[in-house]
C-alpha cells in the first residue's frame, strides 16, 4: 500500500518557527530530513518531518526559557 504525503514548503517553516532560512536548514540537516525541489521551491514530506521539527523547536524554546529563569 502506497501512502501519498503532501509536501510541506520549507519557506513556510521560516514563519512557523520565526527563524531565518539558515537556522531552518540547520535544523533540517541536524535531524537528517531530506528536502526535495519542485521548480524553484524546496519541500519536505509533511507528517513525520514537521512533527520532528516541532519537537525540536519546543525543546529549544523550553531550554531557552529555563536558562532565562535561572
PDB file of N, CA and C in Angstrom:
ATOM      1  N   UNK A   1       0.850  -1.186   0.000  1.00  0.00           N
ATOM      2  CA  UNK A   1       0.000   0.000   0.000  1.00  0.00           C
ATOM      3  C   UNK A   1       0.888   1.239   0.000  1.00  0.00           C
ATOM      4  N   UNK A   2       0.671   2.154  -0.915  1.00  0.00           N
ATOM      5  CA  UNK A   2       1.427   3.392  -1.011  1.00  0.00           C
ATOM      6  C   UNK A   2       0.597   4.533  -0.448  1.00  0.00           C
ATOM      7  N   UNK A   3       1.222   5.309   0.420  1.00  0.00           N
ATOM      8  CA  UNK A   3       0.544   6.457   1.021  1.00  0.00           C
ATOM      9  C   UNK A   3       1.150   7.720   0.446  1.00  0.00           C
ATOM     10  N   UNK A   4       0.322   8.596  -0.077  1.00  0.00           N
ATOM     11  CA  UNK A   4       0.782   9.877  -0.591  1.00  0.00           C
ATOM     12  C   UNK A   4       0.844  10.881   0.555  1.00  0.00           C
ATOM     13  N   UNK A   5       1.961  11.575   0.655  1.00  0.00           N
ATOM     14  CA  UNK A   5       2.138  12.582   1.693  1.00  0.00           C
ATOM     15  C   UNK A   5       2.269  13.935   1.010  1.00  0.00           C
ATOM     16  N   UNK A   6       1.477  14.890   1.460  1.00  0.00           N
ATOM     17  CA  UNK A   6       1.530  16.225   0.885  1.00  0.00           C
ATOM     18  C   UNK A   6       2.863  16.876   1.218  1.00  0.00           C
ATOM     19  N   UNK A   7       3.484  17.500   0.245  1.00  0.00           N
ATOM     20  CA  UNK A   7       4.737  18.200   0.527  1.00  0.00           C
ATOM     21  C   UNK A   7       4.481  19.451   1.363  1.00  0.00           C
ATOM     22  N   UNK A   8       5.418  19.774   2.249  1.00  0.00           N
ATOM     23  CA  UNK A   8       5.321  20.950   3.097  1.00  0.00           C
ATOM     24  C   UNK A   8       6.450  21.893   2.691  1.00  0.00           C
ATOM     25  N   UNK A   9       6.134  23.136   2.304  1.00  0.00           N
ATOM     26  CA  UNK A   9       7.183  24.043   1.825  1.00  0.00           C
ATOM     27  C   UNK A   9       8.140  24.462   2.941  1.00  0.00           C
ATOM     28  N   UNK A  10       9.427  24.400   2.645  1.00  0.00           N
ATOM     29  CA  UNK A  10      10.434  24.819   3.615  1.00  0.00           C
ATOM     30  C   UNK A  10      10.245  26.297   3.956  1.00  0.00           C
ATOM     31  N   UNK A  11       9.853  27.104   2.989  1.00  0.00           N
ATOM     32  CA  UNK A  11       9.649  28.541   3.235  1.00  0.00           C
ATOM     33  C   UNK A  11       8.608  28.785   4.330  1.00  0.00           C
ATOM     34  N   UNK A  12       7.623  27.907   4.444  1.00  0.00           N
ATOM     35  CA  UNK A  12       6.594  28.070   5.476  1.00  0.00           C
ATOM     36  C   UNK A  12       7.160  27.826   6.879  1.00  0.00           C
ATOM     37  N   UNK A  13       8.265  27.094   6.957  1.00  0.00           N
ATOM     38  CA  UNK A  13       8.884  26.822   8.259  1.00  0.00           C
ATOM     39  C   UNK A  13       9.512  28.082   8.850  1.00  0.00           C
ATOM     40  N   UNK A  14       9.951  28.997   8.005  1.00  0.00           N
ATOM     41  CA  UNK A  14      10.533  30.242   8.491  1.00  0.00           C
ATOM     42  C   UNK A  14       9.514  31.003   9.331  1.00  0.00           C
ATOM     43  N   UNK A  15       8.293  31.111   8.824  1.00  0.00           N
ATOM     44  CA  UNK A  15       7.220  31.780   9.567  1.00  0.00           C
ATOM     45  C   UNK A  15       6.744  30.935  10.742  1.00  0.00           C
ATOM     46  N   UNK A  16       6.666  29.637  10.547  1.00  0.00           N
ATOM     47  CA  UNK A  16       6.164  28.743  11.594  1.00  0.00           C
ATOM     48  C   UNK A  16       7.003  28.847  12.871  1.00  0.00           C
ATOM     49  N   UNK A  17       8.328  28.957  12.703  1.00  0.00           N
ATOM     50  CA  UNK A  17       9.233  28.998  13.854  1.00  0.00           C
ATOM     51  C   UNK A  17       9.839  30.379  14.094  1.00  0.00           C
ATOM     52  N   UNK A  18       9.495  31.336  13.261  1.00  0.00           N
ATOM     53  CA  UNK A  18      10.035  32.697  13.359  1.00  0.00           C
ATOM     54  C   UNK A  18      11.571  32.673  13.328  1.00  0.00           C
ATOM     55  N   UNK A  19      12.099  31.968  12.333  1.00  0.00           N
ATOM     56  CA  UNK A  19      13.536  31.798  12.172  1.00  0.00           C
ATOM     57  C   UNK A  19      13.964  32.224  10.781  1.00  0.00           C
ATOM     58  N   UNK A  20      15.254  32.431  10.627  1.00  0.00           N
ATOM     59  CA  UNK A  20      15.826  32.704   9.324  1.00  0.00           C
ATOM     60  C   UNK A  20      16.031  31.420   8.540  1.00  0.00           C
ATOM     61  N   UNK A  21      16.307  31.585   7.266  1.00  0.00           N
ATOM     62  CA  UNK A  21      16.461  30.446   6.362  1.00  0.00           C
ATOM     63  C   UNK A  21      17.585  29.505   6.805  1.00  0.00           C
ATOM     64  N   UNK A  22      18.741  30.041   7.171  1.00  0.00           N
ATOM     65  CA  UNK A  22      19.865  29.193   7.557  1.00  0.00           C
ATOM     66  C   UNK A  22      19.558  28.405   8.823  1.00  0.00           C
ATOM     67  N   UNK A  23      18.882  29.023   9.795  1.00  0.00           N
ATOM     68  CA  UNK A  23      18.526  28.325  11.040  1.00  0.00           C
ATOM     69  C   UNK A  23      17.593  27.152  10.754  1.00  0.00           C
ATOM     70  N   UNK A  24      16.645  27.355   9.857  1.00  0.00           N
ATOM     71  CA  UNK A  24      15.723  26.269   9.495  1.00  0.00           C
ATOM     72  C   UNK A  24      16.491  25.132   8.821  1.00  0.00           C
ATOM     73  N   UNK A  25      17.366  25.472   7.874  1.00  0.00           N
ATOM     74  CA  UNK A  25      18.142  24.431   7.198  1.00  0.00           C
ATOM     75  C   UNK A  25      19.114  23.736   8.153  1.00  0.00           C
ATOM     76  N   UNK A  26      19.640  24.448   9.145  1.00  0.00           N
ATOM     77  CA  UNK A  26      20.497  23.807  10.149  1.00  0.00           C
ATOM     78  C   UNK A  26      19.714  22.744  10.919  1.00  0.00           C
ATOM     79  N   UNK A  27      18.480  23.058  11.274  1.00  0.00           N
ATOM     80  CA  UNK A  27      17.639  22.096  11.986  1.00  0.00           C
ATOM     81  C   UNK A  27      17.283  20.913  11.097  1.00  0.00           C
ATOM     82  N   UNK A  28      16.959  21.194   9.847  1.00  0.00           N
ATOM     83  CA  UNK A  28      16.645  20.119   8.894  1.00  0.00           C
ATOM     84  C   UNK A  28      17.847  19.185   8.755  1.00  0.00           C
ATOM     85  N   UNK A  29      19.029  19.766   8.615  1.00  0.00           N
ATOM     86  CA  UNK A  29      20.250  18.955   8.493  1.00  0.00           C
ATOM     87  C   UNK A  29      20.520  18.164   9.762  1.00  0.00           C
ATOM     88  N   UNK A  30      20.340  18.791  10.926  1.00  0.00           N
ATOM     89  CA  UNK A  30      20.605  18.117  12.202  1.00  0.00           C
ATOM     90  C   UNK A  30      19.697  16.909  12.397  1.00  0.00           C
ATOM     91  N   UNK A  31      18.482  16.998  11.892  1.00  0.00           N
ATOM     92  CA  UNK A  31      17.524  15.894  12.019  1.00  0.00           C
ATOM     93  C   UNK A  31      17.590  14.933  10.836  1.00  0.00           C
ATOM     94  N   UNK A  32      18.518  15.183   9.920  1.00  0.00           N
ATOM     95  CA  UNK A  32      18.708  14.336   8.733  1.00  0.00           C
ATOM     96  C   UNK A  32      17.415  14.206   7.921  1.00  0.00           C
ATOM     97  N   UNK A  33      16.704  15.320   7.782  1.00  0.00           N
ATOM     98  CA  UNK A  33      15.475  15.364   6.992  1.00  0.00           C
ATOM     99  C   UNK A  33      15.857  15.676   5.548  1.00  0.00           C
ATOM    100  N   UNK A  34      15.295  14.939   4.645  1.00  0.00           N
ATOM    101  CA  UNK A  34      15.573  15.127   3.221  1.00  0.00           C
ATOM    102  C   UNK A  34      14.611  16.161   2.643  1.00  0.00           C
ATOM    103  N   UNK A  35      15.163  17.069   1.855  1.00  0.00           N
ATOM    104  CA  UNK A  35      14.344  18.038   1.134  1.00  0.00           C
ATOM    105  C   UNK A  35      14.308  17.645  -0.334  1.00  0.00           C
ATOM    106  N   UNK A  36      13.312  18.156  -1.044  1.00  0.00           N
ATOM    107  CA  UNK A  36      13.258  17.960  -2.487  1.00  0.00           C
ATOM    108  C   UNK A  36      12.725  19.233  -3.116  1.00  0.00           C
ATOM    109  N   UNK A  37      13.047  19.429  -4.371  1.00  0.00           N
ATOM    110  CA  UNK A  37      12.644  20.645  -5.071  1.00  0.00           C
ATOM    111  C   UNK A  37      11.551  20.346  -6.087  1.00  0.00           C
ATOM    112  N   UNK A  38      10.636  21.297  -6.167  1.00  0.00           N
ATOM    113  CA  UNK A  38       9.655  21.332  -7.250  1.00  0.00           C
ATOM    114  C   UNK A  38       9.748  22.739  -7.813  1.00  0.00           C
ATOM    115  N   UNK A  39      10.255  22.839  -9.024  1.00  0.00           N
ATOM    116  CA  UNK A  39      10.514  24.161  -9.580  1.00  0.00           C
ATOM    117  C   UNK A  39      11.656  24.797  -8.804  1.00  0.00           C
ATOM    118  N   UNK A  40      11.431  26.006  -8.299  1.00  0.00           N
ATOM    119  CA  UNK A  40      12.479  26.675  -7.531  1.00  0.00           C
ATOM    120  C   UNK A  40      12.187  26.681  -6.033  1.00  0.00           C
ATOM    121  N   UNK A  41      11.258  25.864  -5.572  1.00  0.00           N
ATOM    122  CA  UNK A  41      10.901  25.800  -4.154  1.00  0.00           C
ATOM    123  C   UNK A  41      11.300  24.459  -3.555  1.00  0.00           C
ATOM    124  N   UNK A  42      11.724  24.505  -2.289  1.00  0.00           N
ATOM    125  CA  UNK A  42      12.113  23.288  -1.573  1.00  0.00           C
ATOM    126  C   UNK A  42      10.996  22.845  -0.651  1.00  0.00           C
ATOM    127  N   UNK A  43      10.881  21.530  -0.497  1.00  0.00           N
ATOM    128  CA  UNK A  43       9.819  20.940   0.313  1.00  0.00           C
ATOM    129  C   UNK A  43      10.379  19.809   1.173  1.00  0.00           C
ATOM    130  N   UNK A  44       9.646  19.495   2.229  1.00  0.00           N
ATOM    131  CA  UNK A  44       9.860  18.276   2.995  1.00  0.00           C
ATOM    132  C   UNK A  44       8.545  17.520   2.966  1.00  0.00           C
ATOM    133  N   UNK A  45       8.595  16.226   3.335  1.00  0.00           N
ATOM    134  CA  UNK A  45       7.350  15.477   3.454  1.00  0.00           C
ATOM    135  C   UNK A  45       6.711  15.872   4.777  1.00  0.00           C
ATOM    136  N   UNK A  46       5.459  16.159   4.756  1.00  0.00           N
ATOM    137  CA  UNK A  46       4.793  16.837   5.863  1.00  0.00           C
ATOM    138  C   UNK A  46       4.788  16.106   7.200  1.00  0.00           C
ATOM    139  N   UNK A  47       4.125  15.027   7.333  1.00  0.00           N
ATOM    140  CA  UNK A  47       3.746  14.453   8.621  1.00  0.00           C
ATOM    141  C   UNK A  47       4.877  14.285   9.627  1.00  0.00           C
ATOM    142  N   UNK A  48       5.720  13.299   9.472  1.00  0.00           N
ATOM    143  CA  UNK A  48       6.736  12.973  10.478  1.00  0.00           C
ATOM    144  C   UNK A  48       7.820  14.039  10.553  1.00  0.00           C
ATOM    145  N   UNK A  49       8.207  14.599   9.422  1.00  0.00           N
ATOM    146  CA  UNK A  49       9.286  15.582   9.418  1.00  0.00           C
ATOM    147  C   UNK A  49       8.885  16.865  10.138  1.00  0.00           C
ATOM    148  N   UNK A  50       7.693  17.358   9.887  1.00  0.00           N
ATOM    149  CA  UNK A  50       7.227  18.573  10.565  1.00  0.00           C
ATOM    150  C   UNK A  50       7.062  18.299  12.051  1.00  0.00           C
ATOM    151  N   UNK A  51       6.597  17.120  12.402  1.00  0.00           N
ATOM    152  CA  UNK A  51       6.446  16.762  13.815  1.00  0.00           C
ATOM    153  C   UNK A  51       7.808  16.770  14.515  1.00  0.00           C
ATOM    154  N   UNK A  52       8.833  16.222  13.864  1.00  0.00           N
ATOM    155  CA  UNK A  52      10.186  16.239  14.430  1.00  0.00           C
ATOM    156  C   UNK A  52      10.689  17.668  14.610  1.00  0.00           C
ATOM    157  N   UNK A  53      10.474  18.495  13.605  1.00  0.00           N
ATOM    158  CA  UNK A  53      10.902  19.890  13.701  1.00  0.00           C
ATOM    159  C   UNK A  53      10.141  20.628  14.808  1.00  0.00           C
ATOM    160  N   UNK A  54       8.860  20.339  14.964  1.00  0.00           N
ATOM    161  CA  UNK A  54       8.069  20.944  16.046  1.00  0.00           C
ATOM    162  C   UNK A  54       8.622  20.533  17.413  1.00  0.00           C
ATOM    163  N   UNK A  55       8.963  19.260  17.555  1.00  0.00           N
ATOM    164  CA  UNK A  55       9.506  18.777  18.826  1.00  0.00           C
ATOM    165  C   UNK A  55      10.847  19.442  19.134  1.00  0.00           C
ATOM    166  N   UNK A  56      11.696  19.574  18.131  1.00  0.00           N
ATOM    167  CA  UNK A  56      12.986  20.232  18.330  1.00  0.00           C
ATOM    168  C   UNK A  56      12.775  21.692  18.715  1.00  0.00           C
ATOM    169  N   UNK A  57      11.872  22.371  18.033  1.00  0.00           N
ATOM    170  CA  UNK A  57      11.586  23.778  18.326  1.00  0.00           C
ATOM    171  C   UNK A  57      11.091  23.941  19.766  1.00  0.00           C
ATOM    172  N   UNK A  58      10.170  23.078  20.182  1.00  0.00           N
ATOM    173  CA  UNK A  58       9.664  23.127  21.554  1.00  0.00           C
ATOM    174  C   UNK A  58      10.780  22.874  22.560  1.00  0.00           C
ATOM    175  N   UNK A  59      11.639  21.913  22.268  1.00  0.00           N
ATOM    176  CA  UNK A  59      12.758  21.590  23.164  1.00  0.00           C
ATOM    177  C   UNK A  59      13.713  22.776  23.303  1.00  0.00           C
ATOM    178  N   UNK A  60      14.060  23.390  22.196  1.00  0.00           N
ATOM    179  CA  UNK A  60      14.971  24.538  22.219  1.00  0.00           C
ATOM    180  C   UNK A  60      14.352  25.692  22.997  1.00  0.00           C
ATOM    181  N   UNK A  61      13.084  25.973  22.735  1.00  0.00           N
ATOM    182  CA  UNK A  61      12.417  27.083  23.430  1.00  0.00           C
ATOM    183  C   UNK A  61      12.270  26.798  24.913  1.00  0.00           C
ATOM    184  N   UNK A  62      11.976  25.577  25.286  1.00  0.00           N
ATOM    185  CA  UNK A  62      11.818  25.217  26.690  1.00  0.00           C
ATOM    186  C   UNK A  62      13.140  25.422  27.421  1.00  0.00           C
ATOM    187  N   UNK A  63      14.232  24.952  26.818  1.00  0.00           N
ATOM    188  CA  UNK A  63      15.541  25.091  27.449  1.00  0.00           C
ATOM    189  C   UNK A  63      15.982  26.553  27.497  1.00  0.00           C
ATOM    190  N   UNK A  64      15.658  27.336  26.495  1.00  0.00           N
ATOM    191  CA  UNK A  64      15.992  28.759  26.495  1.00  0.00           C
ATOM    192  C   UNK A  64      15.232  29.484  27.596  1.00  0.00           C
ATOM    193  N   UNK A  65      13.963  29.134  27.776  1.00  0.00           N
ATOM    194  CA  UNK A  65      13.137  29.740  28.823  1.00  0.00           C
ATOM    195  C   UNK A  65      13.684  29.383  30.199  1.00  0.00           C
ATOM    196  N   UNK A  66      14.072  28.121  30.383  1.00  0.00           N
ATOM    197  CA  UNK A  66      14.617  27.688  31.670  1.00  0.00           C
ATOM    198  C   UNK A  66      15.930  28.392  31.967  1.00  0.00           C
ATOM    199  N   UNK A  67      16.754  28.593  30.965  1.00  0.00           N
ATOM    200  CA  UNK A  67      18.030  29.270  31.153  1.00  0.00           C
ATOM    201  C   UNK A  67      17.809  30.725  31.576  1.00  0.00           C
ATOM    202  N   UNK A  68      16.796  31.373  31.022  1.00  0.00           N
ATOM    203  CA  UNK A  68      16.477  32.751  31.393  1.00  0.00           C
ATOM    204  C   UNK A  68      15.936  32.823  32.813  1.00  0.00           C
ATOM    205  N   UNK A  69      15.252  31.777  33.263  1.00  0.00           N
ATOM    206  CA  UNK A  69      14.652  31.765  34.595  1.00  0.00           C
ATOM    207  C   UNK A  69      15.681  31.516  35.694  1.00  0.00           C
ATOM    208  N   UNK A  70      16.795  30.880  35.332  1.00  0.00           N
ATOM    209  CA  UNK A  70      17.821  30.539  36.341  1.00  0.00           C
ATOM    210  C   UNK A  70      18.599  31.737  36.801  1.00  0.00           C
TER     211      UNK A  70
END
